[in-house]
PDB file of N, CA and C in Angstrom:
ATOM      1  N   MET A   1     -19.323 -21.237  -3.870  1.00  0.00           N
ATOM      2  CA  MET A   1     -20.208 -20.115  -3.606  1.00  0.00           C
ATOM      3  C   MET A   1     -19.430 -18.919  -3.064  1.00  0.00           C
ATOM      4  N   ALA A   2     -18.489 -19.187  -2.179  1.00  0.00           N
ATOM      5  CA  ALA A   2     -17.717 -18.096  -1.597  1.00  0.00           C
ATOM      6  C   ALA A   2     -16.830 -17.425  -2.636  1.00  0.00           C
ATOM      7  N   GLN A   3     -16.340 -18.205  -3.595  1.00  0.00           N
ATOM      8  CA  GLN A   3     -15.477 -17.635  -4.627  1.00  0.00           C
ATOM      9  C   GLN A   3     -16.234 -16.640  -5.493  1.00  0.00           C
ATOM     10  N   ASN A   4     -17.480 -16.933  -5.815  1.00  0.00           N
ATOM     11  CA  ASN A   4     -18.270 -16.003  -6.617  1.00  0.00           C
ATOM     12  C   ASN A   4     -18.463 -14.682  -5.892  1.00  0.00           C
ATOM     13  N   LYS A   5     -18.672 -14.755  -4.589  1.00  0.00           N
ATOM     14  CA  LYS A   5     -18.865 -13.540  -3.803  1.00  0.00           C
ATOM     15  C   LYS A   5     -17.593 -12.694  -3.809  1.00  0.00           C
ATOM     16  N   LEU A   6     -16.437 -13.349  -3.695  1.00  0.00           N
ATOM     17  CA  LEU A   6     -15.176 -12.607  -3.694  1.00  0.00           C
ATOM     18  C   LEU A   6     -14.911 -11.965  -5.056  1.00  0.00           C
ATOM     19  N   LYS A   7     -15.246 -12.640  -6.134  1.00  0.00           N
ATOM     20  CA  LYS A   7     -15.006 -12.093  -7.471  1.00  0.00           C
ATOM     21  C   LYS A   7     -15.865 -10.858  -7.732  1.00  0.00           C
ATOM     22  N   ASN A   8     -17.089 -10.864  -7.226  1.00  0.00           N
ATOM     23  CA  ASN A   8     -18.011  -9.787  -7.530  1.00  0.00           C
ATOM     24  C   ASN A   8     -17.905  -8.604  -6.581  1.00  0.00           C
ATOM     25  N   SER A   9     -17.267  -8.803  -5.440  1.00  0.00           N
ATOM     26  CA  SER A   9     -17.212  -7.706  -4.477  1.00  0.00           C
ATOM     27  C   SER A   9     -16.194  -6.666  -4.924  1.00  0.00           C
ATOM     28  N   GLY A  10     -16.508  -5.409  -4.675  1.00  0.00           N
ATOM     29  CA  GLY A  10     -15.619  -4.327  -5.065  1.00  0.00           C
ATOM     30  C   GLY A  10     -14.517  -4.087  -4.058  1.00  0.00           C
ATOM     31  N   GLY A  11     -14.748  -4.497  -2.830  1.00  0.00           N
ATOM     32  CA  GLY A  11     -13.731  -4.304  -1.811  1.00  0.00           C
ATOM     33  C   GLY A  11     -13.738  -2.878  -1.288  1.00  0.00           C
ATOM     34  N   ASN A  12     -12.715  -2.536  -0.584  1.00  0.00           N
ATOM     35  CA  ASN A  12     -12.584  -1.222   0.020  1.00  0.00           C
ATOM     36  C   ASN A  12     -11.619  -0.396  -0.828  1.00  0.00           C
ATOM     37  N   LYS A  13     -12.102   0.109  -1.927  1.00  0.00           N
ATOM     38  CA  LYS A  13     -11.245   0.846  -2.854  1.00  0.00           C
ATOM     39  C   LYS A  13     -11.463   2.346  -2.698  1.00  0.00           C
ATOM     40  N   LYS A  14     -10.366   3.067  -2.803  1.00  0.00           N
ATOM     41  CA  LYS A  14     -10.442   4.520  -2.670  1.00  0.00           C
ATOM     42  C   LYS A  14     -10.988   5.159  -3.955  1.00  0.00           C
ATOM     43  N   ILE A  15     -10.520   4.659  -5.083  1.00  0.00           N
ATOM     44  CA  ILE A  15     -10.900   5.253  -6.361  1.00  0.00           C
ATOM     45  C   ILE A  15     -12.369   4.968  -6.642  1.00  0.00           C
ATOM     46  N   GLY A  16     -13.143   6.001  -6.924  1.00  0.00           N
ATOM     47  CA  GLY A  16     -14.530   5.839  -7.312  1.00  0.00           C
ATOM     48  C   GLY A  16     -15.535   6.175  -6.237  1.00  0.00           C
ATOM     49  N   ARG A  17     -15.122   6.204  -4.974  1.00  0.00           N
ATOM     50  CA  ARG A  17     -16.085   6.508  -3.918  1.00  0.00           C
ATOM     51  C   ARG A  17     -16.474   7.979  -3.942  1.00  0.00           C
ATOM     52  N   ASN A  18     -15.512   8.834  -4.207  1.00  0.00           N
ATOM     53  CA  ASN A  18     -15.771  10.261  -4.251  1.00  0.00           C
ATOM     54  C   ASN A  18     -15.158  10.785  -5.547  1.00  0.00           C
ATOM     55  N   LYS A  19     -15.983  10.958  -6.548  1.00  0.00           N
ATOM     56  CA  LYS A  19     -15.499  11.267  -7.902  1.00  0.00           C
ATOM     57  C   LYS A  19     -14.667  12.553  -7.954  1.00  0.00           C
ATOM     58  N   VAL A  20     -15.075  13.582  -7.220  1.00  0.00           N
ATOM     59  CA  VAL A  20     -14.360  14.858  -7.268  1.00  0.00           C
ATOM     60  C   VAL A  20     -12.974  14.716  -6.665  1.00  0.00           C
ATOM     61  N   LYS A  21     -12.898  14.109  -5.478  1.00  0.00           N
ATOM     62  CA  LYS A  21     -11.600  13.951  -4.828  1.00  0.00           C
ATOM     63  C   LYS A  21     -10.700  13.010  -5.617  1.00  0.00           C
ATOM     64  N   CYS A  22     -11.283  11.973  -6.195  1.00  0.00           N
ATOM     65  CA  CYS A  22     -10.497  11.020  -6.980  1.00  0.00           C
ATOM     66  C   CYS A  22      -9.931  11.680  -8.241  1.00  0.00           C
ATOM     67  N   ALA A  23     -10.729  12.527  -8.868  1.00  0.00           N
ATOM     68  CA  ALA A  23     -10.256  13.230 -10.062  1.00  0.00           C
ATOM     69  C   ALA A  23      -9.108  14.171  -9.709  1.00  0.00           C
ATOM     70  N   LEU A  24      -9.212  14.834  -8.572  1.00  0.00           N
ATOM     71  CA  LEU A  24      -8.142  15.725  -8.117  1.00  0.00           C
ATOM     72  C   LEU A  24      -6.881  14.934  -7.794  1.00  0.00           C
ATOM     73  N   TYR A  25      -7.035  13.794  -7.123  1.00  0.00           N
ATOM     74  CA  TYR A  25      -5.930  12.905  -6.771  1.00  0.00           C
ATOM     75  C   TYR A  25      -5.186  12.458  -8.025  1.00  0.00           C
ATOM     76  N   LYS A  26      -5.952  12.113  -9.051  1.00  0.00           N
ATOM     77  CA  LYS A  26      -5.346  11.642 -10.292  1.00  0.00           C
ATOM     78  C   LYS A  26      -4.695  12.786 -11.066  1.00  0.00           C
ATOM     79  N   SER A  27      -5.343  13.943 -11.095  1.00  0.00           N
ATOM     80  CA  SER A  27      -4.803  15.058 -11.879  1.00  0.00           C
ATOM     81  C   SER A  27      -3.526  15.627 -11.266  1.00  0.00           C
ATOM     82  N   LEU A  28      -3.405  15.560  -9.946  1.00  0.00           N
ATOM     83  CA  LEU A  28      -2.200  16.050  -9.278  1.00  0.00           C
ATOM     84  C   LEU A  28      -1.078  15.023  -9.245  1.00  0.00           C
ATOM     85  N   LYS A  29      -1.365  13.801  -9.761  1.00  0.00           N
ATOM     86  CA  LYS A  29      -0.398  12.698  -9.791  1.00  0.00           C
ATOM     87  C   LYS A  29       0.142  12.404  -8.391  1.00  0.00           C
ATOM     88  N   LYS A  30      -0.770  12.400  -7.412  1.00  0.00           N
ATOM     89  CA  LYS A  30      -0.389  12.169  -6.023  1.00  0.00           C
ATOM     90  C   LYS A  30       0.206  10.783  -5.814  1.00  0.00           C
ATOM     91  N   ARG A  31      -0.375   9.766  -6.463  1.00  0.00           N
ATOM     92  CA  ARG A  31       0.099   8.406  -6.262  1.00  0.00           C
ATOM     93  C   ARG A  31       1.561   8.285  -6.673  1.00  0.00           C
ATOM     94  N   GLU A  32       1.894   8.869  -7.809  1.00  0.00           N
ATOM     95  CA  GLU A  32       3.259   8.803  -8.302  1.00  0.00           C
ATOM     96  C   GLU A  32       4.211   9.566  -7.390  1.00  0.00           C
ATOM     97  N   LYS A  33       3.771  10.724  -6.910  1.00  0.00           N
ATOM     98  CA  LYS A  33       4.625  11.520  -6.019  1.00  0.00           C
ATOM     99  C   LYS A  33       4.852  10.800  -4.698  1.00  0.00           C
ATOM    100  N   ASN A  34       3.810  10.152  -4.174  1.00  0.00           N
ATOM    101  CA  ASN A  34       3.963   9.387  -2.939  1.00  0.00           C
ATOM    102  C   ASN A  34       4.908   8.208  -3.147  1.00  0.00           C
ATOM    103  N   LYS A  35       4.818   7.583  -4.315  1.00  0.00           N
ATOM    104  CA  LYS A  35       5.686   6.452  -4.638  1.00  0.00           C
ATOM    105  C   LYS A  35       7.140   6.910  -4.706  1.00  0.00           C
ATOM    106  N   ILE A  36       7.380   8.096  -5.266  1.00  0.00           N
ATOM    107  CA  ILE A  36       8.739   8.639  -5.342  1.00  0.00           C
ATOM    108  C   ILE A  36       9.301   8.848  -3.941  1.00  0.00           C
ATOM    109  N   LYS A  37       8.499   9.423  -3.042  1.00  0.00           N
ATOM    110  CA  LYS A  37       8.958   9.637  -1.671  1.00  0.00           C
ATOM    111  C   LYS A  37       9.289   8.319  -0.984  1.00  0.00           C
ATOM    112  N   LYS A  38       8.457   7.296  -1.220  1.00  0.00           N
ATOM    113  CA  LYS A  38       8.675   5.993  -0.611  1.00  0.00           C
ATOM    114  C   LYS A  38       9.968   5.356  -1.122  1.00  0.00           C
ATOM    115  N   ILE A  39      10.225   5.477  -2.423  1.00  0.00           N
ATOM    116  CA  ILE A  39      11.443   4.906  -2.998  1.00  0.00           C
ATOM    117  C   ILE A  39      12.672   5.663  -2.504  1.00  0.00           C
ATOM    118  N   GLN A  40      12.574   6.988  -2.401  1.00  0.00           N
ATOM    119  CA  GLN A  40      13.701   7.771  -1.893  1.00  0.00           C
ATOM    120  C   GLN A  40      14.039   7.374  -0.458  1.00  0.00           C
ATOM    121  N   LYS A  41      13.018   7.139   0.348  1.00  0.00           N
ATOM    122  CA  LYS A  41      13.229   6.703   1.727  1.00  0.00           C
ATOM    123  C   LYS A  41      13.916   5.332   1.745  1.00  0.00           C
ATOM    124  N   HIS A  42      13.494   4.448   0.852  1.00  0.00           N
ATOM    125  CA  HIS A  42      14.097   3.122   0.755  1.00  0.00           C
ATOM    126  C   HIS A  42      15.566   3.229   0.346  1.00  0.00           C
ATOM    127  N   LEU A  43      15.857   4.119  -0.602  1.00  0.00           N
ATOM    128  CA  LEU A  43      17.217   4.235  -1.117  1.00  0.00           C
ATOM    129  C   LEU A  43      18.188   4.838  -0.094  1.00  0.00           C
ATOM    130  N   ARG A  44      17.668   5.553   0.903  1.00  0.00           N
ATOM    131  CA  ARG A  44      18.554   6.064   1.948  1.00  0.00           C
ATOM    132  C   ARG A  44      19.237   4.925   2.699  1.00  0.00           C
ATOM    133  N   GLY A  45      18.533   3.829   2.863  1.00  0.00           N
ATOM    134  CA  GLY A  45      19.103   2.687   3.563  1.00  0.00           C
ATOM    135  C   GLY A  45      19.711   1.643   2.660  1.00  0.00           C
ATOM    136  N   HIS A  46      19.383   1.679   1.381  1.00  0.00           N
ATOM    137  CA  HIS A  46      19.867   0.683   0.420  1.00  0.00           C
ATOM    138  C   HIS A  46      20.368   1.398  -0.827  1.00  0.00           C
ATOM    139  N   GLN A  47      21.542   1.997  -0.739  1.00  0.00           N
ATOM    140  CA  GLN A  47      22.068   2.803  -1.838  1.00  0.00           C
ATOM    141  C   GLN A  47      22.396   1.970  -3.072  1.00  0.00           C
ATOM    142  N   ASN A  48      22.659   0.682  -2.911  1.00  0.00           N
ATOM    143  CA  ASN A  48      23.078  -0.148  -4.040  1.00  0.00           C
ATOM    144  C   ASN A  48      21.915  -0.826  -4.747  1.00  0.00           C
ATOM    145  N   ASP A  49      20.703  -0.478  -4.420  1.00  0.00           N
ATOM    146  CA  ASP A  49      19.523  -1.103  -5.021  1.00  0.00           C
ATOM    147  C   ASP A  49      19.242  -0.444  -6.373  1.00  0.00           C
ATOM    148  N   LEU A  50      19.767  -1.038  -7.426  1.00  0.00           N
ATOM    149  CA  LEU A  50      19.646  -0.446  -8.760  1.00  0.00           C
ATOM    150  C   LEU A  50      18.226  -0.539  -9.309  1.00  0.00           C
ATOM    151  N   GLN A  51      17.494  -1.579  -8.935  1.00  0.00           N
ATOM    152  CA  GLN A  51      16.124  -1.728  -9.418  1.00  0.00           C
ATOM    153  C   GLN A  51      15.236  -0.591  -8.914  1.00  0.00           C
ATOM    154  N   SER A  52      15.396  -0.228  -7.656  1.00  0.00           N
ATOM    155  CA  SER A  52      14.622   0.885  -7.101  1.00  0.00           C
ATOM    156  C   SER A  52      15.037   2.202  -7.733  1.00  0.00           C
ATOM    157  N   LEU A  53      16.310   2.348  -8.000  1.00  0.00           N
ATOM    158  CA  LEU A  53      16.804   3.570  -8.637  1.00  0.00           C
ATOM    159  C   LEU A  53      16.213   3.723 -10.040  1.00  0.00           C
ATOM    160  N   GLN A  54      16.131   2.631 -10.783  1.00  0.00           N
ATOM    161  CA  GLN A  54      15.532   2.679 -12.116  1.00  0.00           C
ATOM    162  C   GLN A  54      14.045   3.030 -12.040  1.00  0.00           C
ATOM    163  N   ALA A  55      13.346   2.468 -11.057  1.00  0.00           N
ATOM    164  CA  ALA A  55      11.924   2.775 -10.881  1.00  0.00           C
ATOM    165  C   ALA A  55      11.740   4.245 -10.533  1.00  0.00           C
ATOM    166  N   LEU A  56      12.627   4.772  -9.712  1.00  0.00           N
ATOM    167  CA  LEU A  56      12.562   6.181  -9.326  1.00  0.00           C
ATOM    168  C   LEU A  56      12.753   7.085 -10.540  1.00  0.00           C
ATOM    169  N   LEU A  57      13.721   6.774 -11.357  1.00  0.00           N
ATOM    170  CA  LEU A  57      13.978   7.585 -12.551  1.00  0.00           C
ATOM    171  C   LEU A  57      12.812   7.516 -13.525  1.00  0.00           C
ATOM    172  N   LYS A  58      12.200   6.335 -13.652  1.00  0.00           N
ATOM    173  CA  LYS A  58      11.067   6.171 -14.552  1.00  0.00           C
ATOM    174  C   LYS A  58       9.866   6.994 -14.067  1.00  0.00           C
ATOM    175  N   LEU A  59       9.641   7.009 -12.751  1.00  0.00           N
ATOM    176  CA  LEU A  59       8.534   7.790 -12.192  1.00  0.00           C
ATOM    177  C   LEU A  59       8.773   9.286 -12.358  1.00  0.00           C
ATOM    178  N   LYS A  60      10.007   9.714 -12.137  1.00  0.00           N
ATOM    179  CA  LYS A  60      10.315  11.136 -12.296  1.00  0.00           C
ATOM    180  C   LYS A  60      10.126  11.569 -13.741  1.00  0.00           C
ATOM    181  N   ASP A  61      10.503  10.717 -14.694  1.00  0.00           N
ATOM    182  CA  ASP A  61      10.290  11.020 -16.102  1.00  0.00           C
ATOM    183  C   ASP A  61       8.802  11.095 -16.423  1.00  0.00           C
ATOM    184  N   PHE A  62       8.011  10.215 -15.798  1.00  0.00           N
ATOM    185  CA  PHE A  62       6.571  10.203 -16.025  1.00  0.00           C
ATOM    186  C   PHE A  62       5.933  11.501 -15.535  1.00  0.00           C
ATOM    187  N   ILE A  63       6.364  11.981 -14.386  1.00  0.00           N
ATOM    188  CA  ILE A  63       5.770  13.203 -13.826  1.00  0.00           C
ATOM    189  C   ILE A  63       6.193  14.428 -14.623  1.00  0.00           C
ATOM    190  N   THR A  64       7.449  14.489 -15.040  1.00  0.00           N
ATOM    191  CA  THR A  64       7.920  15.657 -15.787  1.00  0.00           C
ATOM    192  C   THR A  64       7.464  15.619 -17.235  1.00  0.00           C
ATOM    193  N   GLY A  65       7.062  14.451 -17.732  1.00  0.00           N
ATOM    194  CA  GLY A  65       6.547  14.362 -19.092  1.00  0.00           C
ATOM    195  C   GLY A  65       7.588  14.126 -20.140  1.00  0.00           C
ATOM    196  N   LYS A  66       8.731  13.593 -19.775  1.00  0.00           N
ATOM    197  CA  LYS A  66       9.791  13.323 -20.757  1.00  0.00           C
ATOM    198  C   LYS A  66       9.542  12.040 -21.474  1.00  0.00           C
TER     199      LYS A  66
END
């Protein structure tokens, strides 16, 4: 019974609660930009992390549209 309740619950999700703000968040690509900042912060302490560097380059390409 508890499993059915967990499957059907929406949880505390940001997307969808406020359609206007969510559309703006998505159109400005805020999530991707925040992810880039987080990876850059990580790379300051771990310069040899090639996996993070590849993810960073992929995100930058996504934002610039290449």
